[in-house]
Amino acid sequence: MNFGESKELLSKLAENMKNQFAGANRWKFIGELLDDNPEEVKLHLKTHFDTFLLRMKTNDASDIDLGGPGCHDKIWFRRFGIKSPDESLQKYTSDETDILIFNLLIDSDRKHLFEQRYIDFSYRVYDKELDYWTRFRATVYFDLTHLAVNMRRVNDTVVSFPKLGFNEQIAKVLSLKYQKSGLILVTGITGSGKSTTLDSIIDANNRTMESHIVIIADPIEYVHQPNKSIVKHREVGRDVRSFKEGTTQALRQDPDIIMIGEMRDAETIMTVLEVVDSGHKVFSTLHTSSAVESIDRILGEIPTNEQERIRNRLADTLSCVISQKLIPSEDGKRVLAKEILLNNGSIKTAIRNNNLGEIYQIIHQSGELGMNTMEQDLARLHSDNKISYFEAFINSNNKKRLEELVKYDY
């Protein structure tokens, strides 16, 4: 069955939805509608959906969105940071996308969706031309009672570690060869390339050290093939119930490196600090835009009566914070800008004394150690003609500092 025929099949199925039920009865009806058809029909619907995902590679798109009134019956792609509909594709009603998306979910996923009103999961599509399974990070949620989905394409290959451009001293901190323990945070907003950076760091360790690496993520994105290291992947919800439990269990699995997809809550944060304190090397992420904000966020999650103890523990165990953004570049693509904190005596003292305001200036003045503020990196990228002053300015965390660094002639 070709793409046009499967679209016609989908439209015929959606005709059954006219003036049909609302709420739980609606989803029961869609489930029964799909189950009453042969498995071949479900496969045709899945193949139809997968065609959109395979199109992402030729479009050089990072994300796809469809479903719900918010997409206005169109298929949307994000290319180089810009999200727009693909006008060459046909329109899909909310009933049609409800069926397409619901067809992707197994029974346990559907149960989770109805209980939590969303579900995150990993998804993969086989590319016949490349003889390769492409992976996606998916989230399904409700938009005005209809289903909507976002899928982010996981890179088929890992970015070579040297391309990240880290100072030699920072590179040593990230390597198990030179530093056996410590907490390394990679932070940034959604879509800032945190996963890409972490995968590159994990890949570099996998290629250079005999070790055991445990990755706990929600969901698992890039799957690392064992090289010099054992690499175990544990997906939250499928292989382990939570980040906290996965982190605790990892201690009994003889790991050298633990990668925790996200420190989402106080329990996970405190567990991570205990694991690092026990002599392990731990990588994790936070949704923060600067090194100082990352430290502040950790402490802000901790109950007041525990904060002094956690400040002291964080001061001792924190190794490095990499806060990053993907900036629209002059060539129409995107370029990585990053702020780097390397923990030293001055920063340890500032954390212990809760003088977080001092840390920005310490970073600013410690370039010889491999540190730099976001503003210093944005100024460098502008000086190298990679980004415009406008992009540097709107992406800076401290605009006054950026103006001091870049003497821009209006």
Protein backbone atom coordinates (compact mmCIF):
# COMPACT_ATOMS: atom_id res chain seq x y z
CA MET A 1 0.00 0.00 0.00
CA ASN A 2 1.47 3.38 -1.01
CA PHE A 3 1.31 6.64 0.91
CA GLY A 4 -1.80 7.92 -0.89
CA GLU A 5 -3.69 4.67 -0.31
CA SER A 6 -2.82 4.62 3.40
CA LYS A 7 -4.02 8.25 3.69
CA GLU A 8 -7.31 7.19 2.12
CA LEU A 9 -7.52 4.28 4.58
CA LEU A 10 -6.94 6.68 7.48
CA SER A 11 -9.62 9.08 6.23
CA LYS A 12 -12.16 6.23 5.98
CA LEU A 13 -11.40 5.16 9.55
CA ALA A 14 -11.78 8.76 10.73
CA GLU A 15 -15.24 8.97 9.17
CA ASN A 16 -16.37 6.65 11.97
CA MET A 17 -15.44 9.38 14.45
CA LYS A 18 -18.04 11.90 13.26
CA ASN A 19 -20.36 12.86 16.12
CA GLN A 20 -18.85 10.11 18.21
CA PHE A 21 -18.09 9.97 21.90
CA ALA A 22 -16.10 12.38 24.07
CA GLY A 23 -13.73 11.71 26.96
CA ALA A 24 -12.80 8.15 27.93
CA ASN A 25 -15.48 6.70 25.67
CA ARG A 26 -13.84 8.32 22.66
CA TRP A 27 -10.50 6.58 23.27
CA LYS A 28 -12.24 3.30 24.00
CA PHE A 29 -13.99 3.65 20.62
CA ILE A 30 -10.70 4.40 18.80
CA GLY A 31 -9.02 1.44 20.51
CA GLU A 32 -11.84 -0.89 19.47
CA LEU A 33 -11.84 0.60 15.96
CA LEU A 34 -8.16 -0.27 15.58
CA ASP A 35 -8.46 -3.68 17.23
CA ASP A 36 -11.37 -4.67 14.99
CA ASN A 37 -9.16 -4.26 11.93
CA PRO A 38 -6.47 -6.72 10.79
CA GLU A 39 -2.90 -6.19 12.02
CA GLU A 40 -2.08 -5.25 8.44
CA VAL A 41 -4.19 -2.08 8.80
CA LYS A 42 -2.32 -1.03 11.95
CA LEU A 43 0.96 -1.66 10.15
CA HIS A 44 -0.11 0.52 7.20
CA LEU A 45 -1.01 3.34 9.62
CA LYS A 46 2.33 3.02 11.40
CA THR A 47 4.19 3.03 8.08
CA HIS A 48 2.25 6.14 7.05
CA PHE A 49 3.33 7.92 10.24
CA ASP A 50 6.91 6.69 9.88
CA THR A 51 7.08 8.32 6.45
CA PHE A 52 6.91 11.72 8.15
CA LEU A 53 9.80 10.76 10.41
CA LEU A 54 11.98 9.55 7.54
CA ARG A 55 11.25 12.87 5.81
CA MET A 56 12.93 14.66 8.74
CA LYS A 57 16.35 13.51 7.59
CA THR A 58 15.99 14.90 4.08
CA ASN A 59 14.50 18.10 5.54
CA ASP A 60 17.39 18.35 8.04
CA ALA A 61 14.72 18.73 10.73
CA SER A 62 15.26 18.16 14.44
CA ASP A 63 11.59 17.96 15.53
CA ILE A 64 8.16 17.13 14.18
CA ASP A 65 4.77 18.17 15.59
CA LEU A 66 1.32 17.01 14.57
CA GLY A 67 -2.13 16.50 16.02
CA GLY A 68 -4.59 18.60 17.98
CA PRO A 69 -6.20 21.92 17.00
CA GLY A 70 -2.92 23.76 17.67
CA CYS A 71 -1.27 22.30 14.56
CA HIS A 72 -4.17 23.50 12.37
CA ASP A 73 -4.30 20.18 10.48
CA LYS A 74 -0.69 20.57 9.30
CA ILE A 75 2.58 18.68 9.83
CA TRP A 76 5.22 20.95 11.38
CA PHE A 77 9.01 20.58 11.34
CA ARG A 78 11.76 22.47 13.16
CA ARG A 79 14.76 23.22 10.95
CA PHE A 80 17.80 25.08 12.38
CA GLY A 81 15.67 26.37 15.25
CA ILE A 82 12.72 27.57 13.12
CA LYS A 83 9.40 25.69 13.31
CA SER A 84 7.07 25.85 10.31
CA PRO A 85 4.49 23.64 8.55
CA ASP A 86 5.38 21.59 5.48
CA GLU A 87 2.94 22.98 2.93
CA SER A 88 3.76 20.18 0.47
CA LEU A 89 2.06 17.63 2.73
CA GLN A 90 -1.69 16.99 2.88
CA LYS A 91 -3.77 18.22 5.79
CA TYR A 92 -4.84 15.85 8.56
CA THR A 93 -7.92 16.39 10.70
CA SER A 94 -7.73 16.00 14.48
CA ASP A 95 -9.71 12.76 14.15
CA GLU A 96 -7.15 11.40 11.69
CA THR A 97 -4.17 12.32 13.86
CA ASP A 98 -5.93 10.92 16.96
CA ILE A 99 -6.06 7.54 15.20
CA LEU A 100 -2.49 7.80 13.87
CA ILE A 101 -1.01 8.68 17.25
CA PHE A 102 -3.15 6.26 19.29
CA ASN A 103 -2.03 3.48 16.95
CA LEU A 104 1.59 4.06 18.04
CA LEU A 105 0.87 3.27 21.70
CA ILE A 106 0.87 -0.15 23.33
CA ASP A 107 -1.66 -0.92 26.10
CA SER A 108 0.67 0.08 28.95
CA ASP A 109 1.48 3.38 27.20
CA ARG A 110 -2.22 4.12 26.78
CA LYS A 111 -2.85 3.46 30.47
CA HIS A 112 -0.02 5.82 31.43
CA LEU A 113 -1.34 8.46 29.00
CA PHE A 114 -4.82 8.43 30.55
CA GLU A 115 -3.48 8.49 34.12
CA GLN A 116 -0.79 11.16 33.66
CA ARG A 117 -2.27 12.99 30.63
CA TYR A 118 1.02 12.60 28.76
CA ILE A 119 3.67 9.97 28.06
CA ASP A 120 7.34 10.16 27.06
CA PHE A 121 8.86 7.23 25.21
CA SER A 122 11.53 6.28 22.70
CA TYR A 123 10.58 5.35 19.15
CA ARG A 124 12.54 4.04 16.21
CA VAL A 125 12.06 3.74 12.45
CA TYR A 126 13.90 1.47 10.04
CA ASP A 127 15.46 3.30 7.10
CA LYS A 128 15.67 0.77 4.25
CA GLU A 129 17.99 2.92 2.16
CA LEU A 130 20.56 3.21 4.94
CA ASP A 131 19.82 -0.17 6.56
CA TYR A 132 19.68 1.65 9.88
CA TRP A 133 17.24 2.20 12.77
CA THR A 134 16.76 5.93 13.44
CA ARG A 135 15.69 6.76 16.99
CA PHE A 136 13.35 9.46 18.23
CA ARG A 137 12.43 10.92 21.61
CA ALA A 138 8.64 11.18 21.68
CA THR A 139 6.05 12.83 23.88
CA VAL A 140 2.30 12.39 23.42
CA TYR A 141 -0.08 14.75 25.22
CA PHE A 142 -3.56 16.27 25.01
CA ASP A 143 -4.46 19.47 23.15
CA LEU A 144 -8.11 20.45 23.74
CA THR A 145 -9.08 16.78 24.24
CA HIS A 146 -7.25 15.65 21.07
CA LEU A 147 -3.88 13.88 20.94
CA ALA A 148 -0.74 15.72 19.87
CA VAL A 149 2.78 14.41 19.47
CA ASN A 150 6.26 15.88 19.32
CA MET A 151 9.18 13.73 18.24
CA ARG A 152 12.80 14.78 18.30
CA ARG A 153 15.21 12.99 15.99
CA VAL A 154 18.20 11.48 17.77
CA ASN A 155 21.44 11.92 15.84
CA ASP A 156 22.49 8.79 13.96
CA THR A 157 26.09 9.43 14.97
CA VAL A 158 27.77 11.10 17.92
CA VAL A 159 29.46 14.47 17.48
CA SER A 160 33.22 13.98 17.72
CA PHE A 161 34.36 15.17 21.14
CA PRO A 162 37.10 17.50 19.78
CA LYS A 163 34.43 19.37 17.79
CA LEU A 164 32.90 20.59 21.06
CA GLY A 165 35.98 22.79 21.46
CA PHE A 166 36.74 22.25 25.15
CA ASN A 167 39.94 23.56 26.69
CA GLU A 168 42.41 20.73 27.47
CA GLN A 169 41.96 21.19 31.20
CA ILE A 170 38.17 20.92 30.91
CA ALA A 171 38.53 17.86 28.67
CA LYS A 172 40.56 16.14 31.40
CA VAL A 173 37.85 16.84 33.98
CA LEU A 174 35.30 15.18 31.68
CA SER A 175 37.50 12.11 31.19
CA LEU A 176 37.47 9.14 33.55
CA LYS A 177 41.16 8.68 32.75
CA TYR A 178 42.11 11.89 34.56
CA GLN A 179 39.32 12.29 37.11
CA LYS A 180 37.59 9.27 38.65
CA SER A 181 34.81 11.06 40.55
CA GLY A 182 32.83 14.26 40.65
CA LEU A 183 29.56 15.77 39.43
CA ILE A 184 29.49 17.24 35.93
CA LEU A 185 26.35 19.14 34.88
CA VAL A 186 25.35 19.98 31.32
CA THR A 187 22.57 22.56 31.47
CA GLY A 188 20.38 24.56 29.13
CA ILE A 189 16.83 25.01 27.96
CA THR A 190 15.01 22.35 25.93
CA GLY A 191 16.60 22.08 22.50
CA SER A 192 19.96 23.52 23.55
CA GLY A 193 21.90 20.36 22.62
CA LYS A 194 22.46 18.95 26.12
CA SER A 195 21.93 15.36 24.99
CA THR A 196 24.30 15.82 22.05
CA THR A 197 27.04 17.11 24.33
CA LEU A 198 26.54 14.36 26.91
CA ASP A 199 26.53 11.65 24.25
CA SER A 200 29.79 13.01 22.86
CA ILE A 201 31.39 12.96 26.32
CA ILE A 202 30.13 9.42 27.04
CA ASP A 203 31.36 8.27 23.63
CA ALA A 204 34.82 9.68 24.30
CA ASN A 205 35.03 7.79 27.60
CA ASN A 206 33.66 4.62 25.97
CA ARG A 207 36.41 4.77 23.35
CA THR A 208 39.29 5.46 25.71
CA MET A 209 38.66 3.72 29.05
CA GLU A 210 37.95 0.19 30.25
CA SER A 211 34.98 0.90 32.48
CA HIS A 212 31.29 0.33 33.21
CA ILE A 213 28.94 3.14 32.12
CA VAL A 214 25.30 3.18 33.29
CA ILE A 215 22.90 5.52 31.48
CA ILE A 216 19.53 6.30 33.11
CA ALA A 217 17.26 8.39 30.90
CA ASP A 218 13.62 9.24 30.19
CA PRO A 219 13.53 8.14 27.45
CA ILE A 220 16.72 6.55 26.14
CA GLU A 221 17.86 8.46 23.06
CA TYR A 222 21.21 7.55 21.47
CA VAL A 223 22.23 3.93 22.12
CA HIS A 224 25.98 3.59 22.67
CA GLN A 225 27.60 0.42 21.37
CA PRO A 226 30.15 -1.00 23.83
CA ASN A 227 33.71 -0.19 22.79
CA LYS A 228 36.30 -0.33 25.56
CA SER A 229 33.51 -0.01 28.14
CA ILE A 230 30.41 -1.90 29.16
CA VAL A 231 27.48 0.47 28.45
CA LYS A 232 24.08 -0.23 30.06
CA HIS A 233 20.96 1.74 29.11
CA ARG A 234 18.06 1.94 31.57
CA GLU A 235 14.89 3.73 30.48
CA VAL A 236 12.70 5.23 33.21
CA GLY A 237 9.28 3.60 33.14
CA ARG A 238 10.44 0.51 31.24
CA ASP A 239 13.70 -0.68 32.82
CA VAL A 240 13.50 1.23 36.11
CA ARG A 241 10.73 3.12 37.88
CA SER A 242 12.43 6.46 38.51
CA PHE A 243 15.70 8.40 38.24
CA LYS A 244 16.14 8.08 42.01
CA GLU A 245 15.70 4.30 42.02
CA GLY A 246 17.91 3.91 38.95
CA THR A 247 20.65 5.94 40.61
CA THR A 248 20.44 3.95 43.86
CA GLN A 249 20.40 0.63 42.00
CA ALA A 250 23.38 1.65 39.87
CA LEU A 251 25.56 1.65 42.99
CA ARG A 252 25.07 -2.13 43.20
CA GLN A 253 26.04 -2.62 39.55
CA ASP A 254 29.74 -1.72 39.96
CA PRO A 255 29.70 1.41 37.75
CA ASP A 256 32.53 3.81 36.98
CA ILE A 257 30.34 6.42 35.27
CA ILE A 258 26.64 7.07 35.86
CA MET A 259 24.75 9.33 33.49
CA ILE A 260 21.41 10.55 34.85
CA GLY A 261 19.19 12.13 32.22
CA GLU A 262 17.82 14.85 34.48
CA MET A 263 17.89 15.89 38.15
CA ARG A 264 14.17 16.65 38.37
CA ASP A 265 13.48 16.83 42.10
CA ALA A 266 15.03 17.14 45.55
CA GLU A 267 15.10 13.35 46.10
CA THR A 268 17.05 12.73 42.91
CA ILE A 269 19.42 15.64 43.62
CA MET A 270 20.23 14.38 47.11
CA THR A 271 20.68 10.82 45.84
CA VAL A 272 23.03 12.03 43.10
CA LEU A 273 25.15 13.95 45.60
CA GLU A 274 25.39 10.86 47.82
CA VAL A 275 26.50 8.76 44.81
CA VAL A 276 29.15 11.33 43.85
CA ASP A 277 30.25 11.55 47.48
CA SER A 278 30.83 7.79 47.43
CA GLY A 279 33.51 8.24 44.76
CA HIS A 280 31.69 7.90 41.43
CA LYS A 281 31.78 10.07 38.33
CA VAL A 282 28.26 11.32 37.56
CA PHE A 283 26.93 13.31 34.63
CA SER A 284 23.49 14.91 34.66
CA THR A 285 21.43 17.81 33.30
CA LEU A 286 19.35 20.72 34.53
CA HIS A 287 17.03 23.10 32.69
CA THR A 288 19.01 26.22 33.59
CA SER A 289 20.72 28.86 31.46
CA SER A 290 23.86 29.60 33.48
CA ALA A 291 26.32 28.00 35.89
CA VAL A 292 25.24 30.19 38.80
CA GLU A 293 21.56 29.50 38.12
CA SER A 294 22.35 25.76 38.09
CA ILE A 295 23.87 25.89 41.59
CA ASP A 296 21.01 28.09 42.79
CA ARG A 297 18.45 25.67 41.34
CA ILE A 298 20.00 22.70 43.16
CA LEU A 299 20.02 24.51 46.48
CA GLY A 300 16.53 25.87 45.90
CA GLU A 301 15.13 22.34 45.62
CA ILE A 302 16.52 21.37 49.03
CA PRO A 303 14.53 21.87 52.27
CA THR A 304 15.80 24.82 54.34
CA ASN A 305 17.03 22.63 57.22
CA GLU A 306 19.19 20.61 54.80
CA GLN A 307 20.63 23.46 52.75
CA GLU A 308 23.85 24.08 54.69
CA ARG A 309 24.77 20.38 54.59
CA ILE A 310 23.98 20.16 50.86
CA ARG A 311 25.94 23.38 50.13
CA ASN A 312 29.02 21.85 51.72
CA ARG A 313 28.53 18.56 49.88
CA LEU A 314 27.99 20.34 46.56
CA ALA A 315 31.08 22.47 47.11
CA ASP A 316 33.15 19.30 47.57
CA THR A 317 31.65 17.14 44.82
CA LEU A 318 30.89 19.54 41.96
CA SER A 319 33.54 19.31 39.24
CA CYS A 320 32.23 21.25 36.26
CA VAL A 321 29.13 23.00 34.90
CA ILE A 322 28.62 23.45 31.17
CA SER A 323 25.67 25.74 30.38
CA GLN A 324 24.91 25.95 26.69
CA LYS A 325 22.71 27.47 24.01
CA LEU A 326 22.31 26.85 20.28
CA ILE A 327 22.49 30.23 18.52
CA PRO A 328 21.24 30.96 14.97
CA SER A 329 24.39 31.48 12.92
CA GLU A 330 25.21 33.73 9.99
CA ASP A 331 25.12 30.75 7.59
CA GLY A 332 21.49 29.97 8.46
CA LYS A 333 22.29 27.06 10.76
CA ARG A 334 23.09 27.04 14.50
CA VAL A 335 26.28 27.21 16.52
CA LEU A 336 27.00 26.15 20.10
CA ALA A 337 27.69 28.80 22.75
CA LYS A 338 28.65 27.65 26.22
CA GLU A 339 29.47 28.93 29.69
CA ILE A 340 31.95 26.78 31.61
CA LEU A 341 32.55 26.63 35.34
CA LEU A 342 35.44 24.55 36.67
CA ASN A 343 35.24 24.14 40.43
CA ASN A 344 38.27 25.53 42.27
CA GLY A 345 39.09 26.88 45.71
CA SER A 346 37.42 30.26 45.12
CA ILE A 347 34.21 28.73 43.83
CA LYS A 348 34.13 26.13 46.63
CA THR A 349 34.34 28.96 49.18
CA ALA A 350 31.60 30.96 47.43
CA ILE A 351 29.26 27.94 47.44
CA ARG A 352 29.97 27.10 51.10
CA ASN A 353 29.39 30.72 52.19
CA ASN A 354 26.31 31.03 49.94
CA ASN A 355 27.94 33.90 48.07
CA LEU A 356 26.76 32.73 44.66
CA GLY A 357 26.88 36.27 43.29
CA GLU A 358 30.70 36.08 43.35
CA ILE A 359 30.86 33.08 41.04
CA TYR A 360 30.13 34.92 37.78
CA GLN A 361 33.12 37.22 38.29
CA ILE A 362 35.37 34.27 39.20
CA ILE A 363 34.41 32.55 35.93
CA HIS A 364 34.94 35.80 34.00
CA GLN A 365 38.48 36.16 35.36
CA SER A 366 39.53 32.49 35.01
CA GLY A 367 40.05 32.08 31.29
CA GLU A 368 43.48 30.56 31.81
CA LEU A 369 41.79 27.62 33.57
CA GLY A 370 39.41 27.02 30.66
CA MET A 371 36.47 28.87 32.16
CA ASN A 372 34.34 31.48 30.40
CA THR A 373 31.00 33.18 30.87
CA MET A 374 28.21 32.90 28.31
CA GLU A 375 28.82 36.55 27.40
CA GLN A 376 32.51 35.92 26.72
CA ASP A 377 31.65 33.01 24.40
CA LEU A 378 28.94 34.99 22.60
CA ALA A 379 31.41 37.87 22.11
CA ARG A 380 33.95 35.39 20.69
CA LEU A 381 31.42 33.95 18.26
CA HIS A 382 30.44 37.46 17.14
CA SER A 383 34.09 38.45 16.74
CA ASP A 384 34.61 35.35 14.56
CA ASN A 385 31.64 36.46 12.40
CA LYS A 386 29.71 33.31 13.27
CA ILE A 387 26.73 35.09 14.85
CA SER A 388 25.26 38.57 14.58
CA TYR A 389 25.41 41.11 17.38
CA PHE A 390 21.62 40.89 17.64
CA GLU A 391 21.75 37.14 18.32
CA ALA A 392 24.60 37.61 20.79
CA PHE A 393 22.63 40.28 22.63
CA ILE A 394 19.27 38.51 22.89
CA ASN A 395 20.92 35.26 23.98
CA SER A 396 23.13 36.82 26.65
CA ASN A 397 22.25 36.32 30.31
CA ASN A 398 23.99 39.55 31.34
CA LYS A 399 23.40 42.11 28.59
CA LYS A 400 25.41 44.86 30.26
CA ARG A 401 28.47 42.60 30.37
CA LEU A 402 28.00 41.70 26.71
CA GLU A 403 27.87 45.39 25.77
CA GLU A 404 31.14 45.91 27.64
CA LEU A 405 32.74 43.02 25.73
CA VAL A 406 31.43 43.98 22.29
CA LYS A 407 31.79 47.59 21.26
CA TYR A 408 29.03 47.60 18.69
CA ASP A 409 28.67 50.54 16.33
CA TYR A 410 24.99 51.11 15.67
